[in-house]
Every structure is written in C-alpha cells, then in structure tokens.
Amino acid sequence: MRQVRATRYVTPLREGGSLPGVIEADDLGIYVCKFRGAGQGLRVLVAEVVVVGVARLVDVPVPDLVSVDLAPEIGRYEADQEVQDLLNRSLGVNLGVDLLPGAFGYDSSYVPDRELAGRILWLDALCANVDRSWRNPNLLIWRGDLFAIDHGAALYFHHAWPGGGGAPERFAAQPFDVSEHIMGRYAAEAAAQDEDLASRVTAEALQAVVAEVPDEWLEPVPGAETSEALRQRYVDYLLARVASPRAWLPVVESA
C-alpha cells in the first residue's frame, strides 16, 4: 500500500464501535482512519486489506487504501479524552480508507446492477463476511456507483489462530448464511458467475494481495511465527475455500 503521514485529526466517526476517524494526510488526501489501537485489534486491519484485495480480483468496487503513519503530536491537543487515548495507542502504521466525498449510504431506493450484486454476495460468502445486512449495509453510493466498505468482520478464522486454529479444510466447508445478507436475493447471479470469479482467485493473485499487509500487523501465532508464514496461511485458507466443490456458494431458493 502507498504510505502517507497523518497531519491532522479531523473528527471521529461514532457509527461503529471501533471509533474510526477522519484524518488529513501529507499527500493532501482525506481518509477514514481505522486505528491499530482500537479494541478489535490488528487482525481487523488485516482482514480489511485482504478482502479489499480479493474484491478487486472479482470486480467489486472498493475505496483505495493507504497505510497511515500516526505520530505522537497528532493527539497532543485533542480535547476528547477517549479519542486522545485511542490516538496514543495507535502510534505507528494504521489503515486509511479513501474518503468518498458526497457518498451516501445504500438503501432500498437504489437498484443495484444485478451482476455486481451477485459478485458482492459471492465475495462475502468466500471471505465469510457476516456484516452486510439491512441493519448495517456497509455499502456506499458514490457518483452513481456502488462501493463495498468495512470488511473487518470477514476472515473470522484468524481470530482462532492464537489458540492453534483449525485446518483450512474446516473453513472451506463452512456454509454461508444468506438469510440476512443485503444481497441475498441475488444468489442466482452469484451462482452464474461462480466459475469465472473462482478462476481469478489463484495462488499467485492471493500472494500479491497478502503482500500488501504491513509486517507489523501480522501477529505471530503457533505454527506461523513469521510474517511470511502468516501471509501463506491466509493464502492457504482462501485457496481451500475457493477450491471445488464450493459448499459455501449461496443457494438459489426455489420458487
């Protein structure tokens, strides 16, 4: 990822529990910053980068990402003690998501392109993203186009790794519940594109995706004590899930 340095903390975004904030950076860009010191931990940031990389492989629009270097002076004059504490816990490399000015949230008044809706559903099923429902769509409409955001709840398997974790085959066999997914009614479109989408998620493509994750976000776990070993573990889990037969593929409901 391209690296920028935060120059000003603008405002917190209190919609989510992790308290992301809007920052200005030395490239004159404005980003939604997701902080390494938030309660969800570094694996949430890893999931964001990995899923965004896979989204690009399957033509799901996503905002650009950068790594954001946060220096001590950013939080020095912050009046909100909660925010100041978060900034102080987050010194070093954080995640920046390009702010899409004027974007608005997805709702039922917007009719998505059916194939794109199917690709979003397929992506979430592959990556086990449980956080795209009508309660929390995590979709933005910007300049007429639909963008997927907020993927930190995906790749749940890595939260078990400190305890040893399970085999990639176990993750591969886990079904995906579409009953509350915001694009659940587009299961037919996901199934129609399945072979094409799966063919794009190759070992080489995934290696390039995980290479974007900063080393310092990769926390050693038993059996994968180095950053390269951890990157390979993500590749192995996703390759196992994308291999045929794909038991998690959303089911087309009969009429």
Protein backbone atom coordinates (compact mmCIF):
# COMPACT_ATOMS: atom_id res chain seq x y z
CA MET A 1 0.00 0.00 0.00
CA ARG A 2 1.02 3.57 -0.55
CA GLN A 3 2.14 5.19 2.71
CA VAL A 4 1.06 8.62 3.94
CA ARG A 5 1.63 10.54 7.15
CA ALA A 6 -1.28 11.95 9.13
CA THR A 7 -1.08 15.72 9.50
CA ARG A 8 -4.39 16.46 11.27
CA TYR A 9 -7.10 14.54 13.07
CA VAL A 10 -10.41 16.00 11.88
CA THR A 11 -13.32 14.23 13.56
CA PRO A 12 -14.38 10.85 14.96
CA LEU A 13 -16.96 8.66 13.25
CA ARG A 14 -19.08 7.25 16.04
CA GLU A 15 -21.33 4.97 13.98
CA GLY A 16 -19.14 1.92 14.70
CA GLY A 17 -17.69 0.52 17.87
CA SER A 18 -14.07 0.94 16.81
CA LEU A 19 -14.22 4.77 16.64
CA PRO A 20 -12.58 5.35 13.25
CA GLY A 21 -11.79 8.97 12.48
CA VAL A 22 -11.36 11.31 9.54
CA ILE A 23 -7.78 12.49 9.07
CA GLU A 24 -5.87 14.71 6.67
CA ALA A 25 -2.55 13.43 5.34
CA ASP A 26 0.63 14.84 3.85
CA ASP A 27 -0.49 13.90 0.32
CA LEU A 28 -3.40 16.38 0.79
CA GLY A 29 -5.81 13.45 0.86
CA ILE A 30 -8.61 12.90 3.35
CA TYR A 31 -9.07 9.40 4.74
CA VAL A 32 -11.19 7.43 7.15
CA CYS A 33 -8.53 6.08 9.50
CA LYS A 34 -9.01 2.72 11.19
CA PHE A 35 -6.75 2.61 14.20
CA ARG A 36 -4.48 -0.17 15.30
CA GLY A 37 -5.22 0.67 18.94
CA ALA A 38 -8.97 0.04 18.65
CA GLY A 39 -10.46 -2.79 20.67
CA GLN A 40 -10.88 -5.19 17.74
CA GLY A 41 -7.12 -5.46 17.28
CA LEU A 42 -4.77 -5.72 14.33
CA ARG A 43 -6.49 -8.69 12.67
CA VAL A 44 -9.40 -6.46 11.71
CA LEU A 45 -6.99 -4.26 9.74
CA VAL A 46 -5.51 -7.34 8.08
CA ALA A 47 -9.00 -8.50 7.06
CA GLU A 48 -9.71 -5.10 5.54
CA VAL A 49 -6.62 -5.24 3.34
CA VAL A 50 -7.04 -8.87 2.30
CA VAL A 51 -10.74 -8.61 1.45
CA VAL A 52 -10.25 -5.36 -0.47
CA GLY A 53 -7.56 -7.14 -2.49
CA VAL A 54 -9.88 -10.05 -3.25
CA ALA A 55 -12.70 -7.61 -4.08
CA ARG A 56 -10.53 -6.08 -6.78
CA LEU A 57 -9.86 -9.53 -8.24
CA VAL A 58 -13.60 -10.09 -8.70
CA ASP A 59 -14.55 -6.58 -9.85
CA VAL A 60 -16.27 -5.34 -6.71
CA PRO A 61 -15.60 -1.57 -6.41
CA VAL A 62 -13.87 -0.57 -3.17
CA PRO A 63 -12.25 2.68 -2.00
CA ASP A 64 -8.47 2.91 -2.22
CA LEU A 65 -6.43 2.02 0.85
CA VAL A 66 -3.26 3.58 2.24
CA SER A 67 -1.12 2.94 5.29
CA VAL A 68 -1.23 5.94 7.64
CA ASP A 69 1.74 6.78 9.84
CA LEU A 70 0.48 8.34 13.07
CA ALA A 71 2.93 10.45 15.08
CA PRO A 72 2.57 11.44 18.78
CA GLU A 73 1.81 15.09 18.05
CA ILE A 74 -1.48 14.21 16.32
CA GLY A 75 -3.26 13.53 19.60
CA ARG A 76 -1.49 16.07 21.78
CA TYR A 77 -4.18 18.74 21.59
CA GLU A 78 -7.22 16.51 21.16
CA ALA A 79 -9.85 17.59 23.70
CA ASP A 80 -11.83 14.35 23.71
CA GLN A 81 -10.05 12.05 26.16
CA GLU A 82 -11.42 8.89 24.55
CA VAL A 83 -10.08 9.96 21.16
CA GLN A 84 -6.75 11.08 22.62
CA ASP A 85 -6.28 7.71 24.32
CA LEU A 86 -7.06 5.91 21.06
CA LEU A 87 -4.58 8.05 19.11
CA ASN A 88 -1.88 7.44 21.69
CA ARG A 89 -2.47 3.67 21.48
CA SER A 90 -2.26 3.81 17.70
CA LEU A 91 1.17 5.33 17.06
CA GLY A 92 2.79 3.76 14.01
CA VAL A 93 1.10 2.30 10.94
CA ASN A 94 -2.69 2.44 10.70
CA LEU A 95 -5.16 1.90 7.87
CA GLY A 96 -6.56 4.73 5.76
CA VAL A 97 -9.62 4.33 3.53
CA ASP A 98 -10.10 6.96 0.84
CA LEU A 99 -12.97 9.23 1.84
CA LEU A 100 -15.55 9.38 -0.96
CA PRO A 101 -16.87 12.95 -0.75
CA GLY A 102 -20.61 13.20 -1.08
CA ALA A 103 -21.19 9.46 -0.89
CA PHE A 104 -24.38 8.28 0.75
CA GLY A 105 -25.45 5.01 2.30
CA TYR A 106 -27.17 2.23 0.42
CA ASP A 107 -30.91 1.81 0.94
CA SER A 108 -33.85 0.15 -0.75
CA SER A 109 -34.37 3.07 -3.13
CA TYR A 110 -31.19 2.12 -5.01
CA VAL A 111 -31.47 -0.71 -7.54
CA PRO A 112 -28.04 -2.29 -7.98
CA ASP A 113 -26.69 -3.87 -11.12
CA ARG A 114 -27.70 -7.49 -10.69
CA GLU A 115 -24.33 -8.96 -11.67
CA LEU A 116 -22.47 -6.61 -9.31
CA ALA A 117 -24.89 -7.54 -6.52
CA GLY A 118 -24.12 -11.20 -7.22
CA ARG A 119 -20.38 -10.52 -7.08
CA ILE A 120 -20.72 -8.75 -3.74
CA LEU A 121 -22.64 -11.72 -2.36
CA TRP A 122 -20.04 -14.14 -3.77
CA LEU A 123 -17.18 -12.12 -2.27
CA ASP A 124 -18.80 -12.04 1.16
CA ALA A 125 -19.54 -15.77 1.03
CA LEU A 126 -15.94 -16.56 0.08
CA CYS A 127 -14.50 -14.36 2.82
CA ALA A 128 -17.20 -15.22 5.39
CA ASN A 129 -18.22 -11.60 5.89
CA VAL A 130 -21.19 -11.61 8.25
CA ASP A 131 -21.53 -7.82 8.38
CA ARG A 132 -23.55 -6.75 5.34
CA SER A 133 -27.20 -6.78 6.33
CA TRP A 134 -30.03 -4.25 6.12
CA ARG A 135 -29.12 -3.25 9.67
CA ASN A 136 -25.60 -2.45 8.54
CA PRO A 137 -25.25 -2.47 4.74
CA ASN A 138 -21.60 -1.34 4.57
CA LEU A 139 -22.24 -0.13 1.03
CA LEU A 140 -21.83 3.40 -0.31
CA ILE A 141 -23.16 5.01 -3.46
CA TRP A 142 -20.70 7.48 -4.93
CA ARG A 143 -21.20 9.23 -8.26
CA GLY A 144 -23.86 6.68 -9.11
CA ASP A 145 -21.64 3.66 -8.43
CA LEU A 146 -21.85 1.13 -5.61
CA PHE A 147 -18.82 0.60 -3.36
CA ALA A 148 -18.29 -2.08 -0.71
CA ILE A 149 -16.69 -0.92 2.55
CA ASP A 150 -15.87 -2.19 6.06
CA HIS A 151 -14.64 -5.77 5.77
CA GLY A 152 -13.13 -6.16 9.23
CA ALA A 153 -15.68 -8.78 10.30
CA ALA A 154 -14.61 -11.13 7.49
CA LEU A 155 -12.00 -13.92 7.70
CA TYR A 156 -13.18 -14.84 11.20
CA PHE A 157 -10.88 -17.89 11.19
CA HIS A 158 -7.79 -15.84 12.07
CA HIS A 159 -9.19 -14.94 15.48
CA ALA A 160 -8.76 -18.60 16.48
CA TRP A 161 -5.11 -18.79 15.42
CA PRO A 162 -3.59 -17.74 18.77
CA GLY A 163 -5.14 -20.90 20.19
CA GLY A 164 -3.84 -23.06 17.37
CA GLY A 165 -6.76 -22.57 14.96
CA GLY A 166 -8.32 -25.17 12.72
CA ALA A 167 -7.38 -26.60 9.35
CA PRO A 168 -8.10 -24.67 6.13
CA GLU A 169 -10.41 -27.51 5.08
CA ARG A 170 -12.68 -26.79 8.02
CA PHE A 171 -13.09 -23.17 6.91
CA ALA A 172 -13.56 -24.35 3.33
CA ALA A 173 -16.57 -26.46 4.32
CA GLN A 174 -18.36 -23.79 6.39
CA PRO A 175 -21.68 -22.79 4.77
CA PHE A 176 -22.59 -19.13 4.37
CA ASP A 177 -25.93 -17.93 5.69
CA VAL A 178 -27.53 -15.56 3.17
CA SER A 179 -30.79 -15.14 5.08
CA GLU A 180 -29.88 -11.65 6.34
CA HIS A 181 -27.41 -10.62 3.68
CA ILE A 182 -28.45 -7.45 1.92
CA MET A 183 -27.79 -9.05 -1.48
CA GLY A 184 -29.18 -12.45 -0.57
CA ARG A 185 -31.82 -12.32 -3.30
CA TYR A 186 -29.06 -12.23 -5.92
CA ALA A 187 -27.87 -15.77 -5.23
CA ALA A 188 -28.68 -16.78 -8.81
CA GLU A 189 -26.39 -14.05 -10.12
CA ALA A 190 -23.65 -15.18 -7.74
CA ALA A 191 -24.00 -18.78 -8.90
CA ALA A 192 -23.98 -17.78 -12.58
CA GLN A 193 -20.63 -16.02 -12.15
CA ASP A 194 -19.11 -18.56 -9.77
CA GLU A 195 -16.75 -20.35 -12.14
CA ASP A 196 -15.40 -17.13 -13.59
CA LEU A 197 -14.90 -15.47 -10.19
CA ALA A 198 -13.28 -18.55 -8.66
CA SER A 199 -10.82 -18.77 -11.56
CA ARG A 200 -9.49 -15.31 -10.67
CA VAL A 201 -8.66 -16.20 -7.05
CA THR A 202 -5.40 -18.00 -7.74
CA ALA A 203 -2.41 -18.65 -5.52
CA GLU A 204 -0.40 -16.01 -7.39
CA ALA A 205 -3.16 -13.43 -7.09
CA LEU A 206 -3.59 -14.10 -3.38
CA GLN A 207 0.15 -13.86 -2.79
CA ALA A 208 0.05 -10.37 -4.28
CA VAL A 209 -2.97 -9.49 -2.11
CA VAL A 210 -1.41 -10.53 1.20
CA ALA A 211 1.87 -8.83 0.29
CA GLU A 212 0.02 -5.53 0.81
CA VAL A 213 -0.39 -6.22 4.55
CA PRO A 214 2.23 -4.39 6.64
CA ASP A 215 4.54 -6.74 8.53
CA GLU A 216 3.80 -5.09 11.87
CA TRP A 217 0.12 -6.01 11.67
CA LEU A 218 0.92 -9.72 11.41
CA GLU A 219 0.98 -11.08 14.94
CA PRO A 220 2.87 -14.39 15.36
CA VAL A 221 0.76 -17.45 16.16
CA PRO A 222 1.68 -21.09 16.82
CA GLY A 223 2.94 -22.65 13.62
CA ALA A 224 3.27 -19.28 11.86
CA GLU A 225 5.79 -17.21 13.75
CA THR A 226 6.97 -15.04 10.84
CA SER A 227 5.15 -12.55 8.66
CA GLU A 228 5.75 -14.67 5.56
CA ALA A 229 4.34 -17.77 7.27
CA LEU A 230 1.25 -15.81 8.29
CA ARG A 231 0.76 -14.48 4.78
CA GLN A 232 0.95 -18.02 3.46
CA ARG A 233 -1.63 -19.14 5.99
CA TYR A 234 -4.13 -16.59 4.66
CA VAL A 235 -3.41 -17.82 1.14
CA ASP A 236 -3.90 -21.46 2.19
CA TYR A 237 -7.25 -20.77 3.88
CA LEU A 238 -8.65 -18.80 0.97
CA LEU A 239 -7.36 -21.28 -1.62
CA ALA A 240 -9.01 -24.10 0.29
CA ARG A 241 -12.31 -22.22 0.36
CA VAL A 242 -12.27 -21.33 -3.32
CA ALA A 243 -11.41 -24.88 -4.39
CA SER A 244 -14.19 -27.00 -5.88
CA PRO A 245 -16.67 -28.06 -4.62
CA ARG A 246 -17.60 -24.72 -3.06
CA ALA A 247 -20.04 -25.82 -0.38
CA TRP A 248 -20.48 -22.21 0.80
CA LEU A 249 -21.85 -20.96 -2.53
CA PRO A 250 -25.14 -19.14 -1.84
CA VAL A 251 -28.10 -21.37 -2.63
CA VAL A 252 -30.67 -20.27 -5.18
CA GLU A 253 -34.05 -20.60 -3.49
CA SER A 254 -36.70 -22.42 -5.49
CA ALA A 255 -39.91 -20.53 -6.21
